[in-house]
Protein backbone atom coordinates (compact mmCIF):
# COMPACT_ATOMS: atom_id res chain seq x y z
CA MET A 1 52.79 -64.80 1.23
CA GLU A 2 54.43 -66.60 4.08
CA ILE A 3 51.92 -65.93 6.80
CA LYS A 4 49.10 -67.92 4.69
CA LYS A 5 50.83 -70.93 3.87
CA LYS A 6 52.12 -71.00 8.03
CA VAL A 7 48.31 -70.68 8.36
CA VAL A 8 46.16 -71.71 6.26
CA SER A 9 47.91 -74.52 4.45
CA GLY A 10 50.12 -75.41 7.55
CA LEU A 11 46.96 -75.60 10.50
CA ALA A 12 43.87 -75.68 8.74
CA ALA A 13 44.71 -78.55 6.38
CA THR A 14 46.74 -80.43 8.56
CA LEU A 15 45.59 -80.29 12.02
CA SER A 16 43.70 -83.33 13.68
CA ALA A 17 40.18 -82.79 14.80
CA ALA A 18 41.57 -83.30 18.24
CA MET A 19 44.43 -80.27 17.85
CA LEU A 20 41.59 -78.19 16.46
CA LEU A 21 39.45 -78.88 19.09
CA ALA A 22 42.32 -77.69 21.98
CA THR A 23 43.31 -74.28 19.56
CA ALA A 24 39.78 -73.60 19.93
CA ALA A 25 39.62 -74.14 23.67
CA CYS A 26 42.50 -71.64 24.40
CA GLY A 27 40.15 -68.80 23.28
CA GLY A 28 38.62 -69.26 26.52
CA GLY A 29 35.07 -69.96 25.39
CA SER A 30 33.13 -72.99 24.88
CA ASP A 31 34.32 -74.69 21.55
CA SER A 32 33.88 -78.05 22.07
CA ALA A 33 30.43 -77.88 23.06
CA ALA A 34 28.02 -78.87 20.47
CA ASP A 35 25.81 -76.34 18.62
CA ASP A 36 22.20 -77.60 19.34
CA GLY A 37 20.68 -74.76 16.76
CA SER A 38 19.03 -73.24 19.40
CA PHE A 39 17.61 -69.42 19.45
CA MET A 40 20.61 -67.00 20.32
CA THR A 41 21.23 -63.79 21.38
CA VAL A 42 25.04 -62.12 20.09
CA ASP A 43 26.17 -59.53 21.49
CA VAL A 44 27.99 -57.71 18.97
CA PHE A 45 30.41 -54.62 20.19
CA SER A 46 30.54 -52.63 17.09
CA SER A 47 33.17 -49.65 16.94
CA THR A 48 31.75 -48.34 13.06
CA ALA A 49 27.54 -48.85 14.92
CA ASN A 50 25.41 -45.63 15.09
CA TYR A 51 22.70 -47.76 16.77
CA GLN A 52 22.90 -49.71 19.69
CA GLY A 53 20.25 -52.25 20.60
CA VAL A 54 18.80 -55.23 19.04
CA GLN A 55 19.17 -55.20 15.10
CA LYS A 56 15.58 -54.90 13.85
CA GLY A 57 13.48 -55.29 10.56
CA TRP A 58 14.25 -56.80 7.59
CA PHE A 59 18.11 -57.45 8.07
CA ALA A 60 17.34 -59.12 11.29
CA LYS A 61 14.67 -61.46 9.41
CA ILE A 62 17.57 -62.30 7.25
CA VAL A 63 19.67 -63.23 10.28
CA LYS A 64 16.96 -65.01 11.87
CA ASP A 65 15.98 -67.38 8.91
CA LYS A 66 19.83 -68.40 7.84
CA PHE A 67 21.25 -68.33 11.36
CA ASN A 68 18.61 -68.51 14.25
CA MET A 69 20.22 -65.36 16.08
CA GLU A 70 19.20 -62.10 16.99
CA LEU A 71 22.03 -59.12 16.73
CA ASN A 72 22.36 -57.03 20.01
CA ILE A 73 24.12 -53.85 19.49
CA ILE A 74 26.93 -52.20 21.68
CA ALA A 75 27.84 -49.46 20.17
CA PRO A 76 30.68 -47.10 21.50
CA ASN A 77 29.09 -43.97 18.96
CA VAL A 78 26.08 -44.22 20.86
CA ALA A 79 27.06 -45.01 24.26
CA GLY A 80 29.43 -42.15 24.54
CA GLY A 81 32.98 -41.64 26.55
CA GLY A 82 35.54 -42.66 23.60
CA ASP A 83 37.46 -45.69 24.59
CA THR A 84 35.46 -45.76 28.01
CA LEU A 85 33.48 -49.07 27.08
CA PHE A 86 35.81 -50.46 25.20
CA ASP A 87 38.37 -50.29 28.14
CA THR A 88 35.75 -51.77 30.56
CA ARG A 89 34.18 -54.41 28.93
CA SER A 90 37.82 -55.41 27.86
CA THR A 91 39.35 -55.37 31.78
CA ALA A 92 35.92 -57.77 32.31
CA GLY A 93 37.50 -59.87 29.73
CA ASN A 94 34.59 -59.91 26.90
CA LEU A 95 34.33 -57.62 24.80
CA GLY A 96 31.42 -59.55 22.89
CA ASP A 97 30.51 -62.77 20.89
CA LEU A 98 31.50 -60.69 17.80
CA VAL A 99 34.02 -58.00 17.75
CA ILE A 100 34.01 -55.08 15.23
CA VAL A 101 36.80 -52.68 15.69
CA GLY A 102 39.25 -50.81 14.08
CA MET A 103 43.10 -52.41 14.47
CA GLY A 104 45.48 -49.37 14.38
CA ASN A 105 47.63 -48.40 17.39
CA GLY A 106 48.50 -51.60 18.13
CA ARG A 107 44.65 -52.40 19.08
CA LEU A 108 44.75 -55.73 17.45
CA GLN A 109 47.75 -57.14 19.18
CA LYS A 110 46.38 -56.35 22.75
CA LEU A 111 42.88 -58.29 21.29
CA VAL A 112 45.38 -61.45 20.50
CA LYS A 113 47.73 -60.81 23.74
CA SER A 114 44.93 -60.16 26.01
CA LYS A 115 42.70 -63.71 24.59
CA LEU A 116 40.07 -61.47 23.99
CA ILE A 117 39.01 -62.74 20.40
CA THR A 118 39.41 -66.23 18.74
CA ASP A 119 41.54 -68.16 16.48
CA MET A 120 39.24 -69.03 14.17
CA THR A 121 41.77 -71.12 12.04
CA PRO A 122 39.41 -74.27 13.34
CA TYR A 123 36.61 -72.72 11.46
CA TYR A 124 38.81 -71.48 8.27
CA ASP A 125 38.37 -74.79 6.00
CA LYS A 126 34.74 -73.90 5.82
CA MET A 127 34.82 -70.04 5.43
CA THR A 128 35.09 -70.35 1.51
CA ASN A 129 33.46 -66.95 0.76
CA VAL A 130 36.12 -65.08 3.24
CA LYS A 131 38.77 -67.15 1.47
CA ASN A 132 38.15 -65.21 -2.01
CA TYR A 133 39.71 -62.50 0.29
CA GLN A 134 43.01 -63.90 1.38
CA ALA A 135 45.14 -61.02 1.32
CA GLY A 136 43.05 -59.58 3.83
CA VAL A 137 42.87 -62.05 6.19
CA ASP A 138 46.74 -62.48 6.20
CA TYR A 139 46.98 -58.69 6.70
CA VAL A 140 45.34 -59.00 10.01
CA THR A 141 47.32 -62.16 10.49
CA LYS A 142 50.43 -59.77 9.95
CA GLN A 143 49.29 -56.96 12.18
CA ALA A 144 48.25 -59.40 14.95
CA GLY A 145 51.97 -60.49 15.18
CA GLN A 146 50.98 -64.06 15.92
CA ASP A 147 49.85 -67.16 13.72
CA GLY A 148 46.29 -67.65 13.26
CA VAL A 149 42.85 -66.43 11.78
CA TRP A 150 42.06 -63.70 13.71
CA GLY A 151 39.88 -61.54 11.98
CA VAL A 152 38.77 -60.33 8.83
CA PRO A 153 38.96 -56.90 7.78
CA GLY A 154 36.27 -54.35 6.04
CA ASN A 155 35.86 -53.10 2.77
CA VAL A 156 38.38 -56.01 1.19
CA SER A 157 38.51 -56.81 -2.48
CA ASP A 158 39.78 -58.79 -5.68
CA GLU A 159 39.43 -55.69 -8.23
CA SER A 160 42.92 -54.16 -8.98
CA PRO A 161 44.76 -51.77 -6.44
CA THR A 162 45.42 -49.24 -9.41
CA LYS A 163 41.47 -48.73 -10.38
CA SER A 164 39.29 -46.47 -8.57
CA SER A 165 37.03 -48.16 -5.88
CA GLU A 166 34.85 -45.29 -5.71
CA GLY A 167 32.13 -46.68 -8.38
CA VAL A 168 29.97 -43.44 -9.64
CA GLU A 169 31.36 -40.71 -8.15
CA PRO A 170 34.35 -39.78 -6.20
CA ALA A 171 33.87 -39.13 -2.29
CA ALA A 172 35.62 -35.80 -2.36
CA ALA A 173 34.95 -33.62 -5.52
CA PRO A 174 33.39 -30.02 -6.28
CA TYR A 175 30.06 -30.65 -6.43
CA ILE A 176 27.66 -28.04 -7.63
CA ARG A 177 23.51 -26.85 -7.96
CA TRP A 178 24.07 -27.53 -11.43
CA ASP A 179 20.29 -25.77 -11.94
CA TYR A 180 22.11 -22.45 -10.74
CA TYR A 181 25.10 -23.26 -12.89
CA ALA A 182 22.95 -23.08 -15.96
CA LYS A 183 20.93 -20.50 -15.25
CA VAL A 184 24.39 -18.54 -15.09
CA GLY A 185 25.51 -19.73 -18.55
CA TYR A 186 27.41 -23.02 -17.56
CA PRO A 187 30.29 -20.17 -17.70
CA LYS A 188 33.79 -21.94 -17.79
CA ILE A 189 35.79 -22.86 -14.89
CA SER A 190 39.60 -23.34 -15.28
CA ASN A 191 40.74 -22.97 -11.85
CA LEU A 192 40.01 -21.87 -7.91
CA ASP A 193 39.72 -18.09 -8.94
CA ASP A 194 37.13 -18.59 -11.86
CA PHE A 195 35.05 -21.45 -9.52
CA ALA A 196 34.70 -18.33 -6.72
CA ASN A 197 33.46 -15.85 -9.19
CA VAL A 198 31.05 -18.08 -10.81
CA LEU A 199 29.68 -18.99 -7.20
CA LYS A 200 29.45 -15.41 -6.68
CA GLN A 201 27.14 -15.39 -9.80
CA MET A 202 25.30 -18.62 -8.58
CA GLN A 203 24.60 -16.94 -5.52
CA ASP A 204 23.50 -13.37 -6.93
CA LYS A 205 21.26 -15.88 -9.24
CA ALA A 206 19.48 -18.03 -6.37
CA ARG A 207 18.93 -15.04 -4.22
CA GLU A 208 17.19 -12.99 -7.24
CA GLU A 209 14.98 -15.82 -7.73
CA THR A 210 14.27 -16.70 -4.02
CA GLY A 211 14.14 -13.59 -2.30
CA GLN A 212 16.31 -15.01 0.13
CA ASP A 213 20.03 -13.46 1.46
CA ASP A 214 20.27 -16.40 3.64
CA ILE A 215 21.23 -18.33 0.47
CA TYR A 216 25.67 -19.24 0.61
CA ALA A 217 27.48 -20.94 -1.43
CA VAL A 218 29.64 -22.31 0.85
CA SER A 219 28.69 -23.21 4.22
CA LEU A 220 31.31 -25.04 6.43
CA PHE A 221 31.44 -26.81 9.98
CA LYS A 222 33.99 -27.76 12.31
CA ASP A 223 32.87 -31.33 13.82
CA TRP A 224 34.93 -33.55 12.09
CA ASP A 225 38.51 -31.82 12.32
CA GLY A 226 41.17 -33.83 14.06
CA GLU A 227 44.74 -32.86 13.08
CA LEU A 228 43.72 -30.31 10.43
CA MET A 229 40.39 -28.32 9.38
CA GLN A 230 38.94 -31.47 7.97
CA ASN A 231 36.60 -29.53 5.48
CA ALA A 232 39.75 -27.63 3.91
CA GLN A 233 41.54 -31.06 4.17
CA ALA A 234 38.80 -32.73 2.24
CA ALA A 235 38.83 -30.15 -0.53
CA SER A 236 42.44 -30.86 -0.59
CA GLN A 237 41.43 -34.20 -2.67
CA TRP A 238 40.56 -32.23 -5.51
CA TYR A 239 43.72 -31.80 -6.24
CA GLY A 240 45.15 -35.48 -5.64
CA TRP A 241 46.00 -35.29 -1.94
CA TYR A 242 45.21 -37.37 0.51
CA ALA A 243 46.27 -36.51 4.44
CA GLN A 244 48.00 -38.57 6.49
CA ASN A 245 48.28 -36.98 10.01
CA SER A 246 49.61 -34.07 9.55
CA VAL A 247 51.14 -34.69 6.31
CA LEU A 248 49.80 -34.87 2.56
CA VAL A 249 50.68 -37.77 0.49
CA PRO A 250 50.37 -37.56 -3.20
CA SER A 251 48.25 -39.84 -5.29
CA ASP A 252 51.32 -41.06 -7.66
CA ASP A 253 53.66 -42.38 -4.88
CA ASP A 254 56.35 -39.65 -5.35
CA ALA A 255 57.61 -39.57 -1.63
CA ALA A 256 59.56 -36.90 -2.41
CA GLN A 257 56.51 -34.59 -2.72
CA VAL A 258 54.98 -35.50 0.68
CA THR A 259 54.38 -32.33 2.43
CA PRO A 260 53.31 -30.90 5.98
CA ALA A 261 49.87 -29.55 5.39
CA SER A 262 51.07 -26.38 7.78
CA GLN A 263 53.39 -25.42 4.72
CA VAL A 264 52.90 -22.68 2.98
CA GLY A 265 52.03 -23.19 -1.11
CA SER A 266 50.52 -26.53 0.41
CA GLY A 267 47.79 -28.14 -1.14
CA TYR A 268 46.10 -27.69 2.23
CA ASP A 269 47.00 -23.84 2.29
CA GLN A 270 45.69 -23.55 -1.45
CA MET A 271 42.41 -24.31 0.00
CA ILE A 272 42.67 -22.35 2.92
CA GLU A 273 43.16 -19.49 0.85
CA PHE A 274 40.30 -20.30 -1.97
CA LEU A 275 37.97 -20.50 1.00
CA ASN A 276 39.33 -16.97 2.30
CA LYS A 277 38.67 -15.88 -1.58
CA CYS A 278 35.15 -16.93 -0.83
CA ASN A 279 34.62 -15.53 2.78
CA ASP A 280 36.13 -12.21 1.10
CA MET A 281 33.30 -12.42 -1.42
CA GLY A 282 30.38 -12.72 0.94
CA LEU A 283 30.00 -16.43 -0.45
CA VAL A 284 30.49 -18.15 2.89
CA ASP A 285 28.00 -18.71 5.93
CA PRO A 286 28.49 -16.58 8.75
CA GLU A 287 27.40 -19.51 10.74
CA SER A 288 29.63 -21.82 9.86
CA THR A 289 32.25 -21.05 12.43
CA THR A 290 29.44 -22.42 15.20
CA GLN A 291 26.98 -24.88 13.35
CA ASN A 292 27.59 -28.90 13.38
CA TRP A 293 26.82 -31.41 10.75
CA ASP A 294 23.29 -31.44 11.30
CA ASN A 295 22.65 -27.58 10.82
CA LEU A 296 24.54 -27.87 7.38
CA SER A 297 22.69 -30.83 6.10
CA THR A 298 19.23 -29.29 7.05
CA LYS A 299 20.46 -26.19 5.14
CA VAL A 300 21.61 -28.41 2.18
CA THR A 301 18.29 -30.05 1.92
CA GLU A 302 16.24 -26.58 2.38
CA GLY A 303 18.63 -25.08 -0.49
CA LYS A 304 20.47 -22.72 1.30
CA VAL A 305 23.87 -24.40 0.33
CA LEU A 306 25.13 -24.20 -3.51
CA MET A 307 28.66 -25.95 -3.17
CA SER A 308 29.61 -29.27 -1.72
CA ILE A 309 32.87 -30.72 -0.67
CA TRP A 310 31.80 -34.12 -1.27
CA SER A 311 29.55 -35.98 -3.32
CA TRP A 312 27.55 -37.39 0.00
CA LEU A 313 26.55 -34.23 1.18
CA GLY A 314 24.75 -32.24 -1.68
CA LYS A 315 23.41 -35.09 -3.94
CA PRO A 316 21.61 -37.31 -1.18
CA ARG A 317 20.05 -34.28 0.36
CA MET A 318 18.50 -32.51 -2.90
CA ASN A 319 18.63 -35.22 -5.52
CA SER A 320 15.56 -36.81 -5.48
CA THR A 321 14.00 -38.11 -8.31
CA GLU A 322 11.28 -35.37 -8.53
CA ASN A 323 13.98 -32.77 -8.49
CA GLN A 324 15.84 -34.14 -11.02
CA GLU A 325 13.33 -34.64 -13.14
CA LYS A 326 12.78 -30.91 -12.76
CA GLY A 327 16.48 -30.28 -13.85
CA ILE A 328 17.39 -29.30 -9.65
CA GLY A 329 20.21 -30.69 -7.99
CA PHE A 330 24.06 -31.31 -7.21
CA MET A 331 26.27 -32.33 -9.90
CA LEU A 332 29.87 -32.46 -10.32
CA ALA A 333 31.57 -29.29 -11.74
CA PRO A 334 33.65 -29.44 -14.51
CA LEU A 335 36.80 -27.30 -12.78
CA GLU A 336 39.34 -27.84 -15.14
CA ASN A 337 42.41 -27.78 -13.55
CA MET A 338 41.23 -30.53 -10.79
CA LYS A 339 42.95 -33.97 -10.25
CA VAL A 340 40.64 -35.81 -8.61
CA TYR A 341 41.92 -38.17 -5.57
CA THR A 342 40.26 -41.53 -5.55
CA PRO A 343 41.46 -44.33 -3.67
CA GLY A 344 41.85 -47.75 -5.75
CA PHE A 345 40.38 -51.03 -4.59
CA GLN A 346 42.38 -52.75 -1.21
CA PRO A 347 42.77 -56.50 -1.56
CA GLU A 348 43.78 -56.42 2.25
CA GLY A 349 40.72 -54.83 3.10
CA ASP A 350 40.76 -50.41 4.35
CA GLY A 351 42.76 -51.14 7.29
CA ASN A 352 39.73 -49.10 9.26
CA SER A 353 37.94 -52.18 10.97
CA PHE A 354 37.97 -55.87 11.31
CA ILE A 355 35.44 -58.53 12.66
CA ALA A 356 36.32 -60.98 14.83
CA ILE A 357 34.56 -64.02 17.31
CA GLY A 358 35.08 -62.81 20.89
CA SER A 359 37.16 -65.73 22.86
CA LYS A 360 33.87 -66.11 25.40
CA ALA A 361 31.54 -66.67 22.53
CA LYS A 362 29.03 -69.77 22.37
CA ASN A 363 28.37 -71.55 19.43
CA LYS A 364 31.79 -70.09 17.77
CA GLU A 365 31.37 -72.17 14.15
CA ARG A 366 27.74 -70.61 13.71
CA LEU A 367 29.64 -67.14 13.89
CA ALA A 368 32.17 -68.39 11.94
CA LYS A 369 29.48 -68.98 9.23
CA PHE A 370 27.64 -65.74 9.72
CA ILE A 371 30.94 -63.55 9.15
CA ASP A 372 31.79 -65.83 5.81
CA TRP A 373 28.04 -65.24 4.82
CA LEU A 374 28.87 -61.36 5.57
CA TYR A 375 31.22 -61.87 2.79
CA SER A 376 29.49 -63.89 -0.13
CA PRO A 377 27.29 -62.16 -2.40
CA GLU A 378 24.10 -63.05 -0.65
CA GLY A 379 25.55 -61.04 2.62
CA ILE A 380 27.41 -58.30 0.59
CA TYR A 381 24.07 -57.23 -1.05
CA ALA A 382 22.09 -57.63 2.22
CA SER A 383 24.49 -55.53 4.40
CA ALA A 384 27.10 -53.70 2.30
CA PHE A 385 26.76 -49.70 2.06
CA ASN A 386 26.64 -48.71 -1.63
CA SER A 387 27.63 -45.47 -2.68
CA GLY A 388 24.05 -44.26 -2.68
CA GLY A 389 23.92 -45.12 0.62
CA ALA A 390 21.69 -48.43 0.63
CA ALA A 391 21.72 -52.26 1.14
CA CYS A 392 20.03 -54.11 -1.90
CA PRO A 393 19.11 -57.71 -1.30
CA LYS A 394 18.01 -60.14 -3.63
CA ASP A 395 13.94 -60.44 -4.76
CA MET A 396 13.24 -57.93 -2.03
CA CYS A 397 14.94 -55.35 -4.90
CA TRP A 398 16.28 -57.01 -7.85
CA THR A 399 15.64 -59.44 -10.01
CA LEU A 400 17.64 -60.87 -13.27
CA ASN A 401 15.55 -59.52 -16.53
CA ASP A 402 15.21 -61.51 -19.63
CA LYS A 403 18.90 -60.92 -20.34
CA GLY A 404 20.03 -62.10 -17.41
CA GLU A 405 21.21 -58.62 -16.11
CA PRO A 406 20.35 -57.93 -12.72
CA GLU A 407 17.66 -54.90 -12.73
CA LEU A 408 16.02 -52.83 -10.03
CA ASN A 409 12.35 -53.18 -9.07
CA GLU A 410 9.89 -50.72 -8.02
CA PHE A 411 10.75 -51.63 -4.38
CA GLY A 412 14.42 -50.96 -5.18
CA GLU A 413 14.44 -48.27 -7.00
CA LYS A 414 13.49 -46.00 -3.75
CA ALA A 415 15.12 -48.33 -1.32
CA MET A 416 18.36 -47.22 -3.32
CA PHE A 417 17.43 -43.47 -4.38
CA ASP A 418 14.51 -41.84 -2.32
CA SER A 419 13.65 -44.28 0.98
CA ALA A 420 12.57 -42.00 3.09
CA GLY A 421 9.36 -43.34 4.87
CA LEU A 422 9.38 -46.65 2.57
CA GLN A 423 7.90 -49.90 4.35
CA VAL A 424 9.17 -53.24 3.93
CA PRO A 425 6.48 -55.74 2.05
CA ALA A 426 5.67 -58.71 5.41
CA GLU A 427 7.29 -60.91 3.67
CA TYR A 428 10.55 -59.77 4.39
CA GLY A 429 10.19 -58.79 7.52
CA GLY A 430 7.86 -55.71 7.35
CA GLY A 431 8.78 -52.13 8.91
CA SER A 432 10.39 -49.47 7.65
CA TYR A 433 13.43 -49.86 4.93
CA ASN A 434 15.67 -47.75 6.91
CA ASP A 435 15.22 -49.15 10.18
CA GLY A 436 15.81 -52.61 8.73
CA VAL A 437 19.39 -51.95 7.23
CA SER A 438 21.97 -53.63 8.92
CA ALA A 439 23.08 -51.47 12.34
CA LEU A 440 26.44 -53.43 12.16
CA ASN A 441 27.53 -50.50 9.64
CA PHE A 442 30.09 -52.86 8.81
CA LYS A 443 31.32 -53.09 5.06
CA ALA A 444 32.68 -55.96 4.47
CA VAL A 445 33.44 -56.26 0.66
CA ASN A 446 33.75 -53.05 -1.20
CA ALA A 447 30.71 -52.76 -3.02
CA ASN A 448 31.39 -51.61 -6.23
CA GLY A 449 33.72 -54.98 -7.15
CA THR A 450 32.11 -57.54 -9.48
CA ASP A 451 29.41 -60.36 -8.74
CA PRO A 452 30.82 -63.61 -9.87
CA GLU A 453 27.37 -64.83 -10.60
CA THR A 454 25.81 -61.78 -12.39
CA LYS A 455 28.92 -60.40 -13.86
CA ALA A 456 27.91 -56.84 -12.85
CA ALA A 457 28.66 -54.95 -9.68
CA TYR A 458 26.82 -54.96 -6.59
CA ASN A 459 26.41 -51.62 -6.82
CA PRO A 460 22.86 -50.95 -8.44
CA GLN A 461 24.34 -47.34 -9.87
CA LEU A 462 27.00 -49.38 -11.68
CA TRP A 463 24.20 -51.72 -13.76
CA ALA A 464 23.85 -51.34 -17.61
CA THR A 465 19.76 -51.20 -16.58
CA GLN A 466 20.45 -48.61 -13.72
CA LEU A 467 22.99 -46.20 -16.24
CA ALA A 468 20.29 -46.63 -19.22
CA LYS A 469 17.66 -44.39 -17.50
CA THR A 470 18.51 -40.78 -17.16
CA THR A 471 16.55 -37.84 -15.51
CA LYS A 472 16.27 -34.03 -17.07
CA LEU A 473 19.32 -32.89 -14.68
CA GLN A 474 21.64 -36.01 -15.58
CA GLU A 475 20.80 -35.26 -19.24
CA ASP A 476 21.60 -31.77 -18.84
CA TRP A 477 24.75 -32.40 -17.52
CA ALA A 478 26.15 -35.34 -19.75
CA LYS A 479 25.77 -32.36 -22.53
CA HIS A 480 27.64 -30.25 -20.82
CA MET A 481 30.09 -33.06 -19.79
CA ASP A 482 31.36 -35.36 -22.73
CA GLY A 483 28.67 -37.03 -22.76
CA ALA A 484 29.54 -39.33 -19.42
CA LYS A 485 27.16 -41.11 -17.48
CA THR A 486 29.30 -40.98 -14.61
CA ASP A 487 31.32 -38.68 -12.42
CA LEU A 488 34.18 -41.27 -12.84
CA GLU A 489 33.49 -41.70 -16.45
CA TYR A 490 33.99 -37.71 -16.91
CA LEU A 491 36.77 -37.51 -14.72
CA GLU A 492 38.64 -40.68 -16.58
CA LYS A 493 38.06 -39.52 -20.14
CA THR A 494 39.32 -35.64 -19.59
CA ASP A 495 42.55 -37.14 -17.44
CA ARG A 496 40.92 -35.60 -14.24
CA LEU A 497 41.44 -38.34 -12.17
CA ALA A 498 44.38 -38.94 -9.77
CA VAL A 499 44.32 -43.05 -8.64
CA ALA A 500 45.98 -44.08 -5.48
CA PRO A 501 46.84 -47.61 -5.27
CA GLY A 502 44.55 -49.38 -2.87
CA ALA A 503 47.12 -50.13 -0.24
CA THR A 504 46.03 -51.15 3.30
CA TYR A 505 48.65 -49.47 6.10
CA THR A 506 48.23 -49.17 9.85
CA PRO A 507 50.81 -47.12 11.34
CA PRO A 508 52.46 -48.70 14.68
CA GLU A 509 51.20 -47.18 18.33
CA GLU A 510 52.64 -44.09 18.73
CA ASP A 511 54.79 -43.11 21.65
CA SER A 512 53.31 -41.02 24.27
CA GLN A 513 55.94 -38.42 23.81
CA ILE A 514 54.84 -37.41 20.59
CA SER A 515 50.77 -38.18 21.14
CA THR A 516 51.03 -35.42 23.19
CA LEU A 517 53.12 -33.09 21.29
CA ARG A 518 50.63 -33.86 18.44
CA SER A 519 47.99 -32.62 20.37
CA SER A 520 49.32 -29.47 21.44
CA VAL A 521 50.41 -28.89 17.41
CA LYS A 522 46.64 -29.88 16.14
CA THR A 523 45.22 -27.70 18.07
CA GLU A 524 47.46 -24.60 17.18
CA VAL A 525 46.96 -25.62 13.20
CA ILE A 526 42.79 -26.16 13.30
CA ASN A 527 42.10 -22.99 15.05
CA ALA A 528 44.92 -20.54 12.97
CA SER A 529 43.45 -22.55 9.66
CA TRP A 530 39.92 -21.04 10.70
CA GLN A 531 41.21 -17.62 11.84
CA ALA A 532 42.96 -17.82 8.35
CA VAL A 533 39.59 -18.62 6.50
CA MET A 534 37.29 -16.23 8.54
CA ALA A 535 40.07 -13.09 7.97
CA GLY A 536 38.90 -10.08 6.38
CA SER A 537 41.54 -10.24 3.38
CA GLN A 538 44.05 -12.03 1.66
CA ASP A 539 47.01 -10.63 3.36
CA GLU A 540 45.84 -11.70 6.51
CA CYS A 541 44.88 -15.05 5.79
CA GLN A 542 48.30 -15.66 4.62
CA LYS A 543 50.27 -13.71 7.38
CA ILE A 544 47.93 -16.04 9.89
CA PHE A 545 48.97 -19.41 7.93
CA LYS A 546 52.75 -18.43 7.99
CA ASP A 547 52.61 -17.21 11.69
CA MET A 548 50.80 -20.59 12.42
CA GLY A 549 54.10 -22.78 11.34
CA THR A 550 56.48 -20.63 13.17
CA GLN A 551 54.07 -21.52 16.34
CA ILE A 552 53.84 -24.75 15.63
CA ASN A 553 57.51 -25.11 15.01
CA ASP A 554 58.52 -23.55 18.59
CA LEU A 555 55.49 -26.54 19.85
CA GLY A 556 58.02 -29.57 18.80
CA TYR A 557 56.86 -30.08 15.50
CA ALA A 558 59.57 -31.23 13.92
CA GLN A 559 59.16 -34.60 16.10
CA VAL A 560 55.66 -35.08 14.77
CA LEU A 561 57.00 -34.47 11.30
CA GLU A 562 59.68 -37.37 11.74
CA VAL A 563 57.16 -39.79 12.38
CA ASP A 564 54.39 -38.75 10.23
CA LYS A 565 57.27 -38.42 7.32
CA LYS A 566 57.99 -42.03 8.04
CA ASN A 567 54.39 -43.36 8.44
CA ALA A 568 54.21 -41.55 4.61
CA ASP A 569 56.63 -42.80 3.27
CA ASP A 570 55.64 -46.51 4.78
CA LEU A 571 52.17 -45.92 2.97
CA ILE A 572 53.95 -45.46 -0.23
CA LYS A 573 55.68 -48.59 -0.07
CA ALA A 574 52.34 -50.68 1.01
CA ARG A 575 51.16 -48.83 -2.17
CA GLN A 576 54.07 -50.27 -4.28
CA GLU A 577 53.78 -53.82 -2.49
CA ILE A 578 50.48 -54.28 -3.39
CA VAL A 579 50.27 -53.33 -6.82
CA LYS A 580 53.64 -55.49 -7.33
CA GLN A 581 51.76 -58.53 -5.62
CA PHE A 582 48.50 -58.22 -7.58
CA ALA A 583 50.43 -57.88 -10.60
CA ASP A 584 52.63 -61.27 -9.92
CA LYS A 585 48.77 -62.65 -9.00
CA GLU A 586 47.28 -62.29 -11.97
CA ASP A 587 50.53 -63.14 -14.08
CA LYS A 588 50.21 -66.94 -12.53
């Protein structure tokens, strides 16, 4: 790639030491000052973090021992106010010593032009781990619109973009309480109509056994609604659709199939009608329109919900080792006509976030070493969030067995799958395991990729030593699912997986007029979608959805759609380009 040649080969390899110092000084920080190695507190502005304050526990000990520094997390998600904190700190000229933010909507370009982040070119020669993900660095440079090493994206990978990046299970797929599915005789589920009927049988059985009439097959919530009703949007992934703004993009890169979600008959409409059918059958929790994510999570944990739209809702809250040994828990349903969407590995990162050095930071070379460490095998194990939701440092959580294979120890088993109340040994920092997990909430490298040192995945759930372990629940599920050991294995075996090439695409900054129209349109779409789901009949549901299309057209949706279709086409082109780039790289 031309940018790579210009930035890395041209600058990093040939600039003299004096020129490097001059380049660094332009960033506004004390680049030329020698790092005396003394302890330092690093302010980290992280738009991905859900904790604010000084990093605690075992991850803090690793950072202190390796870099003699502590991380003070500044988190807009916790402080509130949306972009207010970002704008306030940007105006003051100092966003943070380390910066983790999204690069979309022109934000990256603004950070570069405002000199709020540092060009890391002077340190890049020594960032040997980051260089393994050069495509990601090049992507950030391209988005910045200015030569330099301005940051490194999250969730990068050196794996094929046509290979599913999700490890053992897709994020969105039909998951059900397998124990109740077994109790009603493992009925065939050919399509969504069958699925609703099976859920009714399961709900009846659960209520009969427990005597509790507040158990519902389906429970929804509004917290995450954006341009669409999020729950219905996510369920459309069961049939291979990816929602980008107001349109659905197919996984097979057929631009002709890009469809407005609001169009009658779209994948989104089909899921609205499915949820309405469930409501007509008394399967939808009547509190769905008023409850939030926390309420729903509690109900799932208490056994009040029998279907999960995502793997990470039902499984973590019900599939404890104790429950699995009893045959209790959520597992993938054998919905025969599903074609589940899954993203491929992304050599350029996910486009959602990147990490950079603030222009006013001190000891920038040390910070560059810290960033580089995050992309090393050791850093990945210590800070990456795996499918199971946990980080797993070597020695503390796992070791190599006699065959040279990575294997979880007793502590690692609990950390991965049952970490509530788990205490860390004093030698690793003590305290609660969960409290010690990296508060950056930044996944540098996709943990389902391969560790070059062990030749196994970083994610313990994909280790041969872990896959060899089974529970009563897993064994019963496998018996009825072609002997598969994981959800993705089953979907691949049965040709029910739709892999969308792992391209990174950041939509351009949007015109304010379009943003205003979009706001009005999405309000109408969300309100009508909920009304359609909760409508008293399928005829009423379909009428509400159809009328919604007329309403948004009157609001100027055609202009919004033109922008969204152009962005969808560009995403498809990016997918095609990354597949070609990776193939060319493999041929060399």
